[in-house]
N, C-alpha and C. Protein backbone atom coordinates (compact mmCIF):
# COMPACT_ATOMS: atom_id res chain seq x y z
N MET A 1 47.61 -2.73 22.67
CA MET A 1 48.16 -2.79 24.06
C MET A 1 48.15 -3.75 24.54
N ALA A 2 49.19 -4.30 25.85
CA ALA A 2 49.37 -5.49 26.10
C ALA A 2 48.23 -5.11 27.77
N LEU A 3 47.83 -6.57 27.88
CA LEU A 3 46.93 -6.35 29.04
C LEU A 3 48.30 -6.51 30.32
N SER A 4 47.54 -5.88 31.48
CA SER A 4 48.48 -5.75 32.34
C SER A 4 47.87 -7.14 33.56
N THR A 5 46.85 -7.27 33.41
CA THR A 5 46.28 -8.21 34.35
C THR A 5 45.53 -9.67 33.16
N MET A 6 45.48 -10.36 33.87
CA MET A 6 44.52 -11.69 32.97
C MET A 6 43.18 -11.34 33.26
N GLN A 7 42.35 -12.12 32.18
CA GLN A 7 41.23 -11.66 32.43
C GLN A 7 40.03 -13.06 32.08
N LYS A 8 38.94 -13.16 32.58
CA LYS A 8 38.31 -14.37 32.38
C LYS A 8 36.57 -14.63 32.31
N ALA A 9 36.19 -15.20 31.25
CA ALA A 9 34.71 -15.17 31.23
C ALA A 9 34.26 -16.60 30.98
N ASN A 10 33.11 -17.09 31.15
CA ASN A 10 32.50 -18.27 30.92
C ASN A 10 31.52 -18.14 30.19
N LEU A 11 31.35 -18.95 29.28
CA LEU A 11 30.30 -18.82 28.14
C LEU A 11 28.77 -19.78 28.79
N ASP A 12 29.31 -20.59 29.36
CA ASP A 12 28.13 -21.23 30.44
C ASP A 12 27.30 -20.50 31.28
N ALA A 13 28.00 -19.47 31.54
CA ALA A 13 27.22 -18.11 32.75
C ALA A 13 26.81 -17.29 32.01
N ALA A 14 26.92 -17.11 30.32
CA ALA A 14 26.64 -15.80 29.42
C ALA A 14 24.77 -15.87 29.11
N GLU A 15 23.99 -14.88 29.24
CA GLU A 15 22.44 -14.52 28.47
C GLU A 15 22.63 -15.51 27.32
N THR A 16 21.54 -16.46 26.79
CA THR A 16 21.49 -16.87 25.72
C THR A 16 20.39 -16.17 24.93
N LYS A 17 20.75 -15.59 23.65
CA LYS A 17 19.76 -15.16 22.59
C LYS A 17 19.57 -16.11 21.63
N VAL A 18 18.16 -16.41 21.56
CA VAL A 18 17.50 -17.07 20.58
C VAL A 18 16.87 -16.57 19.31
N LEU A 19 17.26 -16.94 18.28
CA LEU A 19 16.71 -16.45 17.06
C LEU A 19 16.46 -17.53 16.10
N GLY A 20 15.06 -17.76 16.19
CA GLY A 20 14.34 -19.08 15.63
C GLY A 20 15.23 -20.48 16.28
N LYS A 21 16.10 -21.13 15.43
CA LYS A 21 17.10 -22.28 15.82
C LYS A 21 18.12 -21.87 15.91
N VAL A 22 18.52 -20.72 16.08
CA VAL A 22 20.18 -20.42 16.17
C VAL A 22 20.26 -19.77 17.87
N LYS A 23 21.17 -20.31 18.74
CA LYS A 23 21.60 -19.81 19.87
C LYS A 23 22.70 -18.92 20.02
N LYS A 24 22.97 -17.86 20.97
CA LYS A 24 24.46 -17.06 20.68
C LYS A 24 24.21 -17.05 22.10
N GLN A 25 25.67 -17.14 22.67
CA GLN A 25 26.18 -16.96 23.93
C GLN A 25 27.44 -15.93 24.43
N THR A 26 27.04 -14.80 24.35
CA THR A 26 28.44 -13.81 24.08
C THR A 26 29.19 -13.50 25.48
N VAL A 27 30.24 -13.19 25.57
CA VAL A 27 30.99 -13.01 26.93
C VAL A 27 32.23 -11.83 26.08
N ASN A 28 32.14 -10.41 26.88
CA ASN A 28 33.40 -9.53 26.87
C ASN A 28 34.38 -9.65 27.51
N LEU A 29 35.48 -9.41 26.78
CA LEU A 29 36.92 -9.02 27.52
C LEU A 29 37.22 -7.68 26.86
N ASP A 30 38.33 -7.07 27.43
CA ASP A 30 39.03 -5.79 26.79
C ASP A 30 38.95 -5.98 25.51
N GLY A 31 38.51 -5.33 24.55
CA GLY A 31 38.64 -5.57 23.24
C GLY A 31 38.26 -6.82 22.35
N VAL A 32 38.10 -7.49 22.97
CA VAL A 32 37.55 -9.17 22.47
C VAL A 32 35.88 -9.63 22.64
N THR A 33 35.46 -9.88 21.83
CA THR A 33 34.29 -10.29 22.02
C THR A 33 34.10 -12.01 21.46
N VAL A 34 33.81 -12.89 22.09
CA VAL A 34 33.93 -13.92 21.97
C VAL A 34 32.22 -14.77 22.49
N THR A 35 32.16 -15.60 21.11
CA THR A 35 30.35 -15.84 20.68
C THR A 35 30.48 -17.23 20.68
N ARG A 36 29.47 -18.10 21.27
CA ARG A 36 29.42 -19.69 21.39
C ARG A 36 28.05 -19.46 20.55
N ILE A 37 28.17 -20.09 19.41
CA ILE A 37 26.73 -19.89 18.34
C ILE A 37 26.74 -21.59 18.28
N THR A 38 24.94 -21.46 18.27
CA THR A 38 24.89 -23.12 18.13
C THR A 38 23.72 -23.30 17.37
N TYR A 39 23.32 -23.71 16.13
CA TYR A 39 22.83 -23.85 15.17
C TYR A 39 22.19 -25.40 15.39
N ASP A 40 20.93 -25.46 15.73
CA ASP A 40 20.18 -26.56 15.98
C ASP A 40 19.97 -27.25 14.67
N VAL A 41 19.69 -28.74 14.39
CA VAL A 41 19.49 -29.33 13.32
C VAL A 41 18.08 -28.57 12.13
N GLY A 42 18.29 -28.45 11.02
CA GLY A 42 17.60 -27.38 10.31
C GLY A 42 17.51 -25.96 10.40
N ALA A 43 18.58 -25.65 11.29
CA ALA A 43 18.66 -24.15 10.98
C ALA A 43 19.54 -23.30 9.78
N ARG A 44 19.21 -22.53 9.56
CA ARG A 44 20.07 -21.93 8.15
C ARG A 44 19.80 -20.69 8.62
N TRP A 45 20.78 -19.59 8.49
CA TRP A 45 21.11 -18.11 8.71
C TRP A 45 19.91 -17.52 7.82
N SER A 46 19.60 -17.46 6.78
CA SER A 46 18.61 -16.93 5.91
C SER A 46 16.83 -17.37 5.99
N LYS A 47 16.77 -18.62 7.29
CA LYS A 47 15.79 -18.59 7.71
C LYS A 47 15.60 -18.26 8.70
N ASP A 48 16.39 -18.43 9.74
CA ASP A 48 16.45 -18.02 11.06
C ASP A 48 16.62 -16.64 11.79
N VAL A 49 17.78 -16.01 10.88
CA VAL A 49 18.36 -14.80 11.23
C VAL A 49 17.77 -13.18 10.46
N LYS A 50 18.35 -14.03 9.13
CA LYS A 50 17.80 -12.77 8.21
C LYS A 50 16.72 -11.86 8.51
N ALA A 51 15.48 -12.15 8.72
CA ALA A 51 14.59 -11.32 9.60
C ALA A 51 14.74 -9.83 10.32
N HIS A 52 15.72 -10.67 11.14
CA HIS A 52 16.29 -9.98 12.63
C HIS A 52 17.33 -8.72 12.15
N VAL A 53 17.93 -9.21 11.22
CA VAL A 53 19.06 -8.17 10.88
C VAL A 53 19.08 -7.06 9.50
N GLY A 54 18.03 -7.76 8.49
CA GLY A 54 17.67 -6.96 7.44
C GLY A 54 18.70 -6.80 6.54
N THR A 55 19.24 -7.50 6.22
CA THR A 55 20.20 -7.93 5.15
C THR A 55 20.03 -9.08 4.00
N ASP A 56 20.10 -9.24 2.93
CA ASP A 56 19.90 -10.44 2.20
C ASP A 56 20.90 -11.78 2.33
N SER A 57 22.04 -11.10 2.96
CA SER A 57 23.24 -12.38 3.15
C SER A 57 23.95 -11.83 4.63
N CYS A 58 24.79 -12.59 5.18
CA CYS A 58 25.01 -12.25 6.72
C CYS A 58 26.23 -11.48 6.31
N MET A 59 26.37 -10.12 6.79
CA MET A 59 27.36 -8.83 6.46
C MET A 59 28.51 -9.19 7.20
N LEU A 60 28.37 -9.73 8.24
CA LEU A 60 29.40 -9.94 9.25
C LEU A 60 30.55 -11.11 9.05
N PRO A 61 31.95 -10.92 9.20
CA PRO A 61 32.95 -11.79 8.83
C PRO A 61 32.85 -12.60 10.32
N HIS A 62 33.62 -13.93 10.26
CA HIS A 62 33.78 -14.49 11.10
C HIS A 62 35.09 -15.12 10.90
N VAL A 63 35.60 -15.25 12.31
CA VAL A 63 37.05 -16.52 12.87
C VAL A 63 36.33 -17.33 13.60
N ALA A 64 36.47 -18.75 13.59
CA ALA A 64 35.73 -19.19 14.49
C ALA A 64 36.48 -20.72 14.43
N ILE A 65 36.33 -21.70 15.48
CA ILE A 65 36.34 -23.09 15.63
C ILE A 65 35.08 -23.95 15.47
N VAL A 66 34.90 -24.57 15.07
CA VAL A 66 33.72 -25.47 14.69
C VAL A 66 33.98 -26.83 16.13
N LEU A 67 32.99 -26.64 17.20
CA LEU A 67 33.06 -27.71 17.87
C LEU A 67 32.45 -28.93 17.54
N SER A 68 31.54 -29.12 17.30
CA SER A 68 30.92 -29.94 16.82
C SER A 68 29.57 -29.64 15.47
N GLY A 69 29.48 -30.76 14.91
CA GLY A 69 28.35 -30.84 13.98
C GLY A 69 29.20 -30.70 12.25
N VAL A 70 28.59 -30.43 11.24
CA VAL A 70 29.01 -29.76 9.88
C VAL A 70 28.06 -28.70 9.53
N PHE A 71 28.68 -27.46 8.91
CA PHE A 71 28.20 -26.53 8.85
C PHE A 71 28.53 -25.69 7.13
N ARG A 72 27.64 -26.05 6.58
CA ARG A 72 27.54 -25.38 5.00
C ARG A 72 27.71 -23.81 5.34
N VAL A 73 28.65 -23.42 4.36
CA VAL A 73 28.70 -21.98 4.07
C VAL A 73 28.71 -21.55 2.87
N GLN A 74 27.59 -20.79 2.16
CA GLN A 74 27.67 -20.73 0.89
C GLN A 74 27.78 -18.81 0.57
N MET A 75 28.77 -18.67 0.08
CA MET A 75 29.19 -17.37 -0.53
C MET A 75 28.29 -16.17 -1.26
N ASP A 76 28.02 -15.48 -1.32
CA ASP A 76 27.22 -14.99 -2.43
C ASP A 76 27.95 -14.80 -3.79
N ASP A 77 28.96 -15.36 -4.15
CA ASP A 77 29.60 -15.55 -5.51
C ASP A 77 29.53 -17.16 -5.74
N GLY A 78 28.92 -17.76 -5.04
CA GLY A 78 28.16 -18.70 -5.32
C GLY A 78 29.34 -19.96 -4.56
N ALA A 79 30.60 -19.72 -3.93
CA ALA A 79 31.35 -20.67 -3.45
C ALA A 79 30.92 -21.53 -2.21
N VAL A 80 31.07 -22.70 -1.98
CA VAL A 80 30.56 -23.51 -1.13
C VAL A 80 31.57 -24.02 -0.30
N GLU A 81 31.50 -24.46 1.01
CA GLU A 81 32.54 -25.01 1.79
C GLU A 81 32.06 -25.90 2.77
N ASP A 82 32.20 -26.79 3.30
CA ASP A 82 31.51 -27.59 4.43
C ASP A 82 32.95 -27.35 5.60
N PHE A 83 32.28 -26.83 6.77
CA PHE A 83 33.11 -26.56 8.05
C PHE A 83 32.95 -28.12 9.18
N GLY A 84 33.76 -28.94 9.46
CA GLY A 84 33.30 -29.82 10.33
C GLY A 84 34.29 -29.70 11.65
N LYS A 85 34.32 -30.63 12.29
CA LYS A 85 34.84 -30.77 14.22
C LYS A 85 35.99 -30.21 13.76
N ASN A 86 36.77 -29.38 14.54
CA ASN A 86 38.15 -28.83 14.82
C ASN A 86 38.48 -27.76 13.29
N ASP A 87 37.41 -27.80 12.45
CA ASP A 87 37.69 -26.90 11.55
C ASP A 87 37.92 -25.61 12.08
N ILE A 88 38.72 -24.47 11.24
CA ILE A 88 38.37 -23.16 11.53
C ILE A 88 38.07 -22.46 10.13
N MET A 89 37.21 -21.88 10.58
CA MET A 89 36.68 -20.89 9.59
C MET A 89 36.98 -19.31 9.51
N MET A 90 36.99 -18.89 8.15
CA MET A 90 37.75 -17.74 8.58
C MET A 90 36.64 -17.16 6.98
N LEU A 91 35.68 -16.33 7.51
CA LEU A 91 34.69 -16.02 6.57
C LEU A 91 34.47 -14.51 6.09
N PRO A 92 34.46 -14.22 5.19
CA PRO A 92 34.35 -12.49 4.85
C PRO A 92 32.99 -12.32 4.91
N SER A 93 32.24 -11.22 4.71
CA SER A 93 30.80 -10.97 4.73
C SER A 93 30.31 -11.32 3.44
N GLY A 94 29.33 -11.64 3.48
CA GLY A 94 28.50 -11.56 2.44
C GLY A 94 28.32 -13.50 2.22
N HIS A 95 27.25 -13.81 3.26
CA HIS A 95 27.21 -15.62 2.62
C HIS A 95 26.03 -15.75 3.86
N ASP A 96 25.35 -17.18 3.30
CA ASP A 96 24.28 -17.80 3.89
C ASP A 96 25.26 -19.12 4.61
N ALA A 97 24.40 -19.78 5.38
CA ALA A 97 24.91 -20.49 6.10
C ALA A 97 23.73 -21.81 7.14
N TRP A 98 24.42 -23.27 6.57
CA TRP A 98 23.37 -23.65 7.32
C TRP A 98 23.82 -25.09 7.88
N VAL A 99 23.01 -25.89 8.86
CA VAL A 99 23.23 -27.03 9.15
C VAL A 99 23.38 -28.06 8.40
N ILE A 100 24.52 -29.04 8.17
CA ILE A 100 24.25 -30.42 7.27
C ILE A 100 23.95 -31.73 8.24
N GLY A 101 23.10 -32.53 7.98
CA GLY A 101 23.08 -33.76 8.72
C GLY A 101 21.97 -33.53 10.16
N ASP A 102 22.34 -34.59 10.93
CA ASP A 102 21.34 -34.19 11.95
C ASP A 102 21.88 -34.22 13.14
N GLU A 103 22.93 -33.41 13.48
CA GLU A 103 23.68 -32.93 14.42
C GLU A 103 23.99 -31.53 14.54
N PRO A 104 23.48 -30.75 15.60
CA PRO A 104 23.46 -29.32 15.86
C PRO A 104 25.18 -29.00 15.68
N CYS A 105 25.50 -27.84 14.91
CA CYS A 105 26.49 -27.45 14.86
C CYS A 105 27.03 -26.54 15.85
N VAL A 106 27.88 -26.23 16.48
CA VAL A 106 28.33 -25.44 17.77
C VAL A 106 29.68 -24.75 17.06
N PHE A 107 30.00 -23.74 17.08
CA PHE A 107 31.06 -23.00 16.84
C PHE A 107 31.19 -21.63 17.80
N VAL A 108 32.56 -21.63 17.82
CA VAL A 108 33.11 -20.65 18.95
C VAL A 108 33.80 -19.53 17.98
N GLU A 109 33.55 -18.27 18.24
CA GLU A 109 34.36 -17.48 16.94
C GLU A 109 34.40 -15.89 18.01
N PHE A 110 35.57 -15.49 17.47
CA PHE A 110 36.75 -14.65 18.21
C PHE A 110 36.30 -13.31 17.38
N SER A 111 35.98 -12.04 17.94
CA SER A 111 36.00 -10.94 17.45
C SER A 111 37.11 -10.22 16.61
N HIS A 112 38.13 -10.62 17.50
CA HIS A 112 39.52 -10.03 17.51
C HIS A 112 40.39 -10.47 16.24
N GLY A 113 39.92 -11.77 15.73
CA GLY A 113 40.43 -12.61 14.65
C GLY A 113 39.78 -11.97 13.49
N CYS A 114 38.58 -11.16 13.55
CA CYS A 114 38.03 -10.81 12.64
C CYS A 114 38.56 -9.11 12.31
N ASN A 115 39.55 -8.83 13.06
CA ASN A 115 40.25 -7.68 12.74
C ASN A 115 40.74 -7.70 11.45
N TYR A 116 40.91 -9.17 10.73
CA TYR A 116 41.62 -8.94 9.36
C TYR A 116 40.56 -8.77 8.63
N TYR A 117 39.31 -8.78 8.58
CA TYR A 117 38.15 -8.04 7.70
C TYR A 117 37.94 -6.50 8.11
N THR A 118 37.95 -6.45 9.93
CA THR A 118 36.78 -5.42 10.24
C THR A 118 37.56 -4.31 10.47
N ALA A 119 39.20 -4.01 10.38
CA ALA A 119 39.79 -2.54 10.68
C ALA A 119 39.02 -1.69 10.29
N GLU A 120 38.77 -1.66 8.76
CA GLU A 120 37.96 -0.29 8.51
C GLU A 120 36.32 -0.11 8.99
N SER A 121 35.71 -1.44 9.19
CA SER A 121 34.57 -1.43 9.94
C SER A 121 34.58 -1.30 11.50
N ARG A 122 35.34 -1.20 11.99
CA ARG A 122 35.58 -0.64 13.39
C ARG A 122 35.58 0.72 13.61
N ILE A 123 36.41 1.24 12.46
CA ILE A 123 36.61 2.70 12.34
C ILE A 123 35.46 3.46 12.13
N LYS A 124 34.35 2.66 11.17
CA LYS A 124 33.30 2.98 10.92
C LYS A 124 32.56 3.26 11.89
N GLU A 125 32.40 2.25 12.61
CA GLU A 125 31.21 1.84 13.90
C GLU A 125 31.67 3.14 15.40
N LEU A 126 32.91 3.29 15.13
CA LEU A 126 33.51 3.99 15.84
C LEU A 126 33.13 5.73 15.59
N ILE A 127 32.96 6.03 14.53
CA ILE A 127 32.44 7.43 14.18
C ILE A 127 30.72 7.26 14.27
N ALA A 128 30.45 6.13 13.98
CA ALA A 128 28.86 6.12 14.36
C ALA A 128 28.63 5.96 15.83
N VAL A 129 29.49 5.81 16.58
CA VAL A 129 29.37 5.87 18.37
C VAL A 129 29.06 7.08 18.58
N GLY A 130 30.36 7.86 17.85
CA GLY A 130 30.28 9.59 18.13
C GLY A 130 29.15 10.12 17.50
N ALA A 131 28.68 9.98 16.36
CA ALA A 131 27.72 10.44 15.47
C ALA A 131 26.00 10.30 16.75
N ALA A 132 25.95 9.05 17.29
CA ALA A 132 24.85 8.73 17.80
C ALA A 132 24.97 9.45 19.12
N VAL A 133 25.67 9.74 19.60
CA VAL A 133 26.02 10.77 21.16
C VAL A 133 25.76 12.05 20.42
N THR A 134 26.13 12.79 19.35
CA THR A 134 25.91 14.17 18.79
C THR A 134 24.43 14.05 18.40
N ALA A 135 23.58 12.80 18.05
CA ALA A 135 22.22 12.95 17.88
C ALA A 135 21.32 12.97 18.85
N ASN A 136 21.93 12.50 20.15
CA ASN A 136 21.40 12.15 21.38
C ASN A 136 20.30 11.17 21.18
N CYS A 137 20.85 9.90 20.30
CA CYS A 137 19.96 8.70 20.32
C CYS A 137 20.22 7.62 20.81
N GLN A 138 19.43 7.34 22.32
CA GLN A 138 19.93 6.29 23.39
C GLN A 138 20.08 5.06 22.54
N SER A 139 18.95 4.59 21.81
CA SER A 139 18.92 2.94 21.26
C SER A 139 20.12 3.18 20.10
N CYS A 140 20.21 4.19 19.52
CA CYS A 140 21.67 4.12 18.40
C CYS A 140 22.79 4.06 18.89
N LEU A 141 22.75 4.63 20.26
CA LEU A 141 23.88 4.56 20.43
C LEU A 141 24.21 3.08 21.22
N GLU A 142 23.43 2.70 21.59
CA GLU A 142 23.54 1.33 22.27
C GLU A 142 23.67 -0.04 21.00
N VAL A 143 23.05 0.26 19.65
CA VAL A 143 23.45 -0.52 18.49
C VAL A 143 24.92 -0.53 18.44
N ARG A 144 25.12 0.96 18.29
CA ARG A 144 26.82 0.85 17.66
C ARG A 144 27.71 0.57 18.76
N VAL A 145 27.55 1.09 19.66
CA VAL A 145 28.47 0.32 20.85
C VAL A 145 28.40 -0.90 20.72
N GLY A 146 27.38 -1.81 20.20
CA GLY A 146 27.41 -3.06 20.32
C GLY A 146 28.42 -3.72 18.92
N LYS A 147 27.76 -2.82 18.04
CA LYS A 147 28.64 -3.28 16.81
C LYS A 147 30.24 -3.02 16.73
N ALA A 148 30.62 -1.93 17.46
CA ALA A 148 31.86 -1.74 17.73
C ALA A 148 32.58 -2.67 18.13
N ARG A 149 32.25 -3.00 19.34
CA ARG A 149 32.61 -4.20 20.12
C ARG A 149 32.79 -5.50 19.33
N GLU A 150 31.96 -6.03 18.48
CA GLU A 150 31.58 -6.80 17.65
C GLU A 150 33.21 -6.62 16.65
N CYS A 151 33.56 -5.52 16.30
CA CYS A 151 34.53 -5.28 15.24
C CYS A 151 35.60 -5.20 16.14
N GLY A 152 36.03 -5.65 17.25
CA GLY A 152 36.81 -5.67 18.12
C GLY A 152 37.53 -4.22 18.99
N ALA A 153 36.69 -3.31 18.82
CA ALA A 153 36.85 -1.90 19.54
C ALA A 153 36.86 -2.27 21.10
N GLY A 154 38.31 -1.55 21.83
CA GLY A 154 37.86 -1.77 22.89
C GLY A 154 37.00 -0.83 23.74
N ILE A 155 37.39 -0.77 24.92
CA ILE A 155 36.62 0.25 25.74
C ILE A 155 37.20 1.68 26.08
N GLU A 156 38.61 1.52 25.78
CA GLU A 156 39.24 2.95 25.72
C GLU A 156 38.82 3.71 24.17
N GLU A 157 38.88 3.04 23.23
CA GLU A 157 38.19 3.32 21.95
C GLU A 157 37.03 3.85 21.87
N ILE A 158 35.98 3.31 22.29
CA ILE A 158 34.87 3.57 22.77
C ILE A 158 34.26 4.83 23.12
N SER A 159 35.15 4.74 24.50
CA SER A 159 34.90 6.09 25.49
C SER A 159 35.72 6.85 24.95
N SER A 160 36.45 7.17 24.16
CA SER A 160 36.91 8.16 22.96
C SER A 160 35.74 8.97 22.31
N ALA A 161 35.22 8.00 21.36
CA ALA A 161 34.36 8.43 20.40
C ALA A 161 33.02 9.00 21.28
N ILE A 162 32.82 8.42 22.29
CA ILE A 162 31.75 8.88 23.00
C ILE A 162 31.92 10.28 23.45
N GLU A 163 33.29 10.70 23.87
CA GLU A 163 33.73 12.01 24.17
C GLU A 163 33.99 13.06 23.02
N ALA A 164 34.27 12.35 21.98
CA ALA A 164 34.53 13.27 20.70
C ALA A 164 32.88 13.60 20.37
N GLY A 165 31.83 12.88 20.43
CA GLY A 165 30.72 12.98 19.68
C GLY A 165 29.91 14.19 21.02
N LYS A 166 30.57 13.79 22.25
CA LYS A 166 29.78 14.97 23.41
C LYS A 166 30.66 16.08 23.07
N ALA A 167 31.81 16.45 22.61
CA ALA A 167 32.57 17.67 22.48
C ALA A 167 31.90 18.33 21.08
N VAL A 168 31.65 17.58 20.16
CA VAL A 168 30.78 18.25 19.19
C VAL A 168 29.55 18.49 19.17
N ARG A 169 28.77 17.64 20.19
CA ARG A 169 27.39 18.13 20.40
C ARG A 169 27.37 19.34 21.27
N CYS A 170 28.06 19.72 22.35
CA CYS A 170 28.24 20.91 22.84
C CYS A 170 28.90 22.13 21.92
N GLY A 171 29.51 22.06 21.46
CA GLY A 171 30.03 23.02 20.66
C GLY A 171 28.93 23.39 19.43
N ALA A 172 28.08 22.20 18.50
CA ALA A 172 27.12 22.79 17.85
C ALA A 172 26.14 23.39 18.55
N ALA A 173 25.59 22.87 19.81
CA ALA A 173 24.42 23.68 20.44
C ALA A 173 24.53 24.87 20.99
N ALA A 174 26.36 24.96 21.43
CA ALA A 174 26.25 26.25 21.61
C ALA A 174 26.16 27.37 20.28
N LYS A 175 26.56 27.10 19.56
CA LYS A 175 26.51 27.71 18.24
C LYS A 175 25.08 28.43 17.87
N PHE A 176 24.30 27.02 18.02
CA PHE A 176 23.13 27.19 17.57
C PHE A 176 22.38 28.10 18.58
N ASP A 177 22.19 27.98 19.80
CA ASP A 177 21.79 28.87 20.75
C ASP A 177 22.35 30.16 20.55
N SER A 178 23.26 30.67 20.26
CA SER A 178 23.57 31.60 20.04
C SER A 178 23.16 32.46 18.74
N PHE A 179 23.00 31.42 17.84
CA PHE A 179 22.03 31.53 16.62
C PHE A 179 20.67 32.09 16.94
N ALA A 180 19.98 31.12 17.55
CA ALA A 180 18.47 31.38 18.21
C ALA A 180 18.37 32.55 18.81
N SER A 181 19.37 32.99 19.62
CA SER A 181 19.29 34.36 20.52
C SER A 181 19.53 35.68 19.68
N ASN A 182 20.12 35.82 18.59
CA ASN A 182 20.29 36.78 17.62
C ASN A 182 19.13 36.78 16.81
N LEU A 183 18.20 35.85 16.93
CA LEU A 183 16.89 35.87 16.14
C LEU A 183 16.35 37.07 16.51
N THR A 184 16.46 37.17 18.00
CA THR A 184 15.29 38.21 18.50
C THR A 184 16.10 39.59 17.94
N ASN A 185 16.97 39.71 17.45
CA ASN A 185 17.55 41.41 16.92
C ASN A 185 17.35 41.45 15.64
N GLY A 186 16.70 40.06 14.80
CA GLY A 186 16.22 40.61 13.66
C GLY A 186 16.09 39.17 13.01
N ALA A 187 15.24 39.35 11.56
CA ALA A 187 14.74 38.35 11.00
C ALA A 187 16.33 37.62 10.48
N PRO A 188 16.04 36.49 10.15
CA PRO A 188 17.42 35.72 9.45
C PRO A 188 17.32 35.91 7.92
N SER A 189 18.69 36.11 7.43
CA SER A 189 18.63 36.07 6.41
C SER A 189 18.13 35.16 5.37
N VAL A 190 17.81 35.68 4.10
CA VAL A 190 17.48 34.36 3.08
C VAL A 190 17.94 33.26 3.11
N THR A 191 19.70 33.05 2.62
CA THR A 191 20.33 32.11 2.74
C THR A 191 20.36 31.49 3.95
N SER A 192 20.73 31.86 5.18
CA SER A 192 20.56 31.13 6.28
C SER A 192 19.30 30.06 6.59
N ALA A 193 18.12 30.80 6.43
CA ALA A 193 17.11 30.02 6.47
C ALA A 193 16.67 29.17 4.99
N ALA A 194 17.32 29.13 4.00
CA ALA A 194 17.18 28.35 3.28
C ALA A 194 18.08 27.19 3.16
N ASP A 195 19.35 27.24 4.16
CA ASP A 195 20.48 26.32 3.47
C ASP A 195 19.98 24.90 4.59
N CYS A 196 19.08 25.27 5.54
CA CYS A 196 18.88 23.78 6.29
C CYS A 196 17.54 22.47 5.44
N GLY A 197 17.37 23.31 4.38
CA GLY A 197 16.40 22.28 3.76
C GLY A 197 15.18 22.15 4.12
N CYS A 198 14.87 23.26 4.81
CA CYS A 198 13.26 22.42 5.70
C CYS A 198 12.30 23.08 4.70
N ARG A 199 12.67 23.98 3.74
CA ARG A 199 11.72 24.97 2.86
C ARG A 199 11.81 24.25 1.33
């Protein structure tokens, strides 16, 4: 859907997130997340970031422009490519990356361009947003909303997923409350007691 007004954000004003020798500054517009990433000299994804995300390689796709430095990317299948100033990177998930030379590498990535890879991921994250609401898990919801934004989901999509989760939670709670009330009228059947897997 076309925007009715212009939007503006400034990366210099964004909060800086530091992971070892890697720094990230992110701004959010409607449906687009823009991140400036700086890999200092000696920085490597598998050394500085891996422990924070818990995967063997970076599973996020990237569409970015390199502003300075040289960035070497190695895919899980062994393919290697170097990206320098003004190169456009379009990377699928499953890779490691590190700085080449004695100059930090700075690049800016756009989540909307990642839709080439992440249309399916966006849908999965929106489903996860709804599931987090249904489970009443605040920390899960915060993480899943962030992931959905990274995959290009807009505010309206995320809001719809949250409302869907609320509706499911409300219906399930009402049904369970009715079941619990009926227990006072007699013991549960063997089938219903065993179906939940508690025993």
